[in-house]
Protein backbone atom coordinates (compact mmCIF):
# COMPACT_ATOMS: atom_id res chain seq x y z
CA GLN A 1 -10.85 -5.50 4.62
CA VAL A 2 -8.18 -7.28 2.61
CA GLN A 3 -5.41 -5.02 1.35
CA LEU A 4 -2.31 -5.79 -0.71
CA VAL A 5 -0.08 -2.82 -1.51
CA GLU A 6 2.83 -3.32 -3.88
CA SER A 7 5.86 -1.05 -3.98
CA GLY A 8 9.46 -0.94 -5.11
CA GLY A 9 9.06 -0.79 -8.85
CA GLY A 10 10.86 1.66 -11.10
CA LEU A 11 13.06 2.16 -14.11
CA VAL A 12 16.22 0.07 -14.23
CA GLN A 13 18.82 -0.73 -16.85
CA PRO A 14 19.20 -4.25 -18.21
CA GLY A 15 21.24 -6.31 -15.78
CA GLY A 16 20.07 -4.26 -12.84
CA SER A 17 18.15 -5.25 -9.73
CA LEU A 18 14.98 -4.27 -7.91
CA ARG A 19 13.29 -5.48 -4.77
CA LEU A 20 9.50 -5.44 -4.70
CA SER A 21 7.48 -5.45 -1.51
CA CYS A 22 3.83 -6.28 -0.87
CA ALA A 23 2.39 -5.10 2.42
CA THR A 24 -0.75 -7.00 3.36
CA SER A 25 -3.52 -6.68 5.91
CA GLY A 26 -7.00 -7.94 6.58
CA PHE A 27 -6.23 -11.66 6.50
CA THR A 28 -3.95 -14.19 8.22
CA PHE A 29 -0.95 -13.79 5.93
CA SER A 30 1.03 -16.75 7.27
CA THR A 31 -1.65 -19.26 6.33
CA TYR A 32 -1.79 -18.42 2.63
CA THR A 33 0.29 -19.40 -0.35
CA MET A 34 1.29 -16.09 -1.95
CA GLY A 35 2.30 -15.26 -5.47
CA TRP A 36 3.86 -12.53 -7.55
CA TYR A 37 2.23 -12.01 -10.91
CA ARG A 38 2.95 -9.67 -13.78
CA GLN A 39 1.12 -8.30 -16.77
CA ALA A 40 2.86 -6.74 -19.72
CA PRO A 41 0.99 -4.60 -22.27
CA GLY A 42 -1.04 -6.78 -24.59
CA LYS A 43 -0.24 -9.93 -22.65
CA GLU A 44 -2.08 -12.05 -20.14
CA CYS A 45 -1.41 -12.13 -16.43
CA GLU A 46 1.51 -14.44 -15.65
CA LEU A 47 2.47 -16.16 -12.41
CA VAL A 48 6.11 -15.28 -11.79
CA ALA A 49 6.74 -16.91 -8.41
CA ARG A 50 4.83 -18.44 -5.55
CA ILE A 51 5.66 -19.36 -1.99
CA THR A 52 3.98 -21.62 0.52
CA GLY A 53 5.09 -21.70 4.14
CA ILE A 54 8.65 -22.56 3.17
CA ALA A 55 8.76 -23.73 -0.44
CA ALA A 56 9.10 -21.50 -3.49
CA SER A 57 8.62 -22.11 -7.18
CA TYR A 58 9.28 -19.96 -10.24
CA ALA A 59 8.32 -19.50 -13.83
CA ASP A 60 11.04 -20.78 -16.15
CA SER A 61 11.54 -17.27 -17.49
CA VAL A 62 12.74 -15.96 -14.11
CA LYS A 63 14.29 -19.03 -12.52
CA GLY A 64 17.76 -18.28 -11.19
CA ARG A 65 17.21 -14.52 -11.36
CA PHE A 66 14.25 -13.84 -9.06
CA THR A 67 13.81 -14.83 -5.42
CA ILE A 68 10.49 -14.73 -3.60
CA SER A 69 10.40 -14.51 0.19
CA ARG A 70 8.03 -13.65 2.99
CA ASP A 71 8.16 -12.16 6.46
CA ASN A 72 5.16 -13.49 8.34
CA ALA A 73 5.88 -11.24 11.32
CA LYS A 74 5.52 -8.20 9.05
CA ASN A 75 2.77 -9.64 6.84
CA THR A 76 4.93 -8.74 3.87
CA LEU A 77 5.87 -10.52 0.65
CA TYR A 78 9.04 -9.72 -1.29
CA LEU A 79 10.44 -10.32 -4.75
CA GLN A 80 14.16 -9.81 -5.30
CA MET A 81 14.77 -9.38 -9.02
CA ASN A 82 18.31 -9.59 -10.36
CA SER A 83 19.77 -9.62 -13.88
CA LEU A 84 16.70 -7.87 -15.15
CA LYS A 85 15.88 -8.06 -18.84
CA PRO A 86 13.70 -5.82 -21.04
CA GLU A 87 11.17 -8.65 -21.25
CA ASP A 88 10.65 -8.37 -17.48
CA THR A 89 8.95 -5.02 -18.09
CA ALA A 90 5.41 -5.26 -16.70
CA VAL A 91 3.17 -4.24 -13.87
CA TYR A 92 3.79 -6.58 -10.95
CA TYR A 93 1.07 -7.66 -8.54
CA CYS A 94 0.96 -9.78 -5.41
CA GLN A 95 -1.99 -11.98 -4.53
CA ARG A 96 -3.05 -14.94 -2.53
CA THR A 97 -2.88 -17.71 -5.12
CA LEU A 98 -6.30 -18.96 -4.03
CA PHE A 99 -7.78 -15.62 -5.12
CA ALA A 100 -5.73 -15.09 -8.27
CA LEU A 101 -8.77 -14.95 -10.52
CA GLY A 102 -9.50 -12.67 -13.41
CA PRO A 103 -7.09 -10.12 -14.88
CA CYS A 104 -4.21 -8.93 -12.70
CA ASP A 105 -5.20 -5.30 -12.99
CA SER A 106 -8.50 -5.99 -11.24
CA TRP A 107 -6.69 -6.81 -7.99
CA GLY A 108 -5.03 -3.50 -7.20
CA GLN A 109 -2.64 -0.87 -8.48
CA GLY A 110 0.45 -3.05 -8.76
CA THR A 111 3.93 -1.62 -9.21
CA GLN A 112 5.46 -0.79 -12.58
CA VAL A 113 8.81 -2.31 -13.48
CA THR A 114 10.49 -0.96 -16.59
CA VAL A 115 13.76 -2.42 -17.81
CA SER A 116 15.33 -0.22 -20.44
CA SER A 117 18.61 1.40 -21.35
């Protein structure tokens, strides 16, 4: 059974940092391109960052502020978020990019990130 469990979200002030984690099981993590997605209220699901075996790419809105990484030994995906802005407020989800179909909130519980003073 495939499982992806996000954690690490919370309330942070603008300019602050958070590190999200996604613990996975039920599939061969190292062989998949993984992505972090987010969905803000009233908005569509957005791909924030993706990582293949070694290469990463980012949405323009987070480039230079967010860093995606993976630990294949731990089957875990990470997202380091720095210089957070109010517009980063959303529920964040991880997913295998191959299976990133439909609305984000159909994949799992995600982790809420709220950036506010």
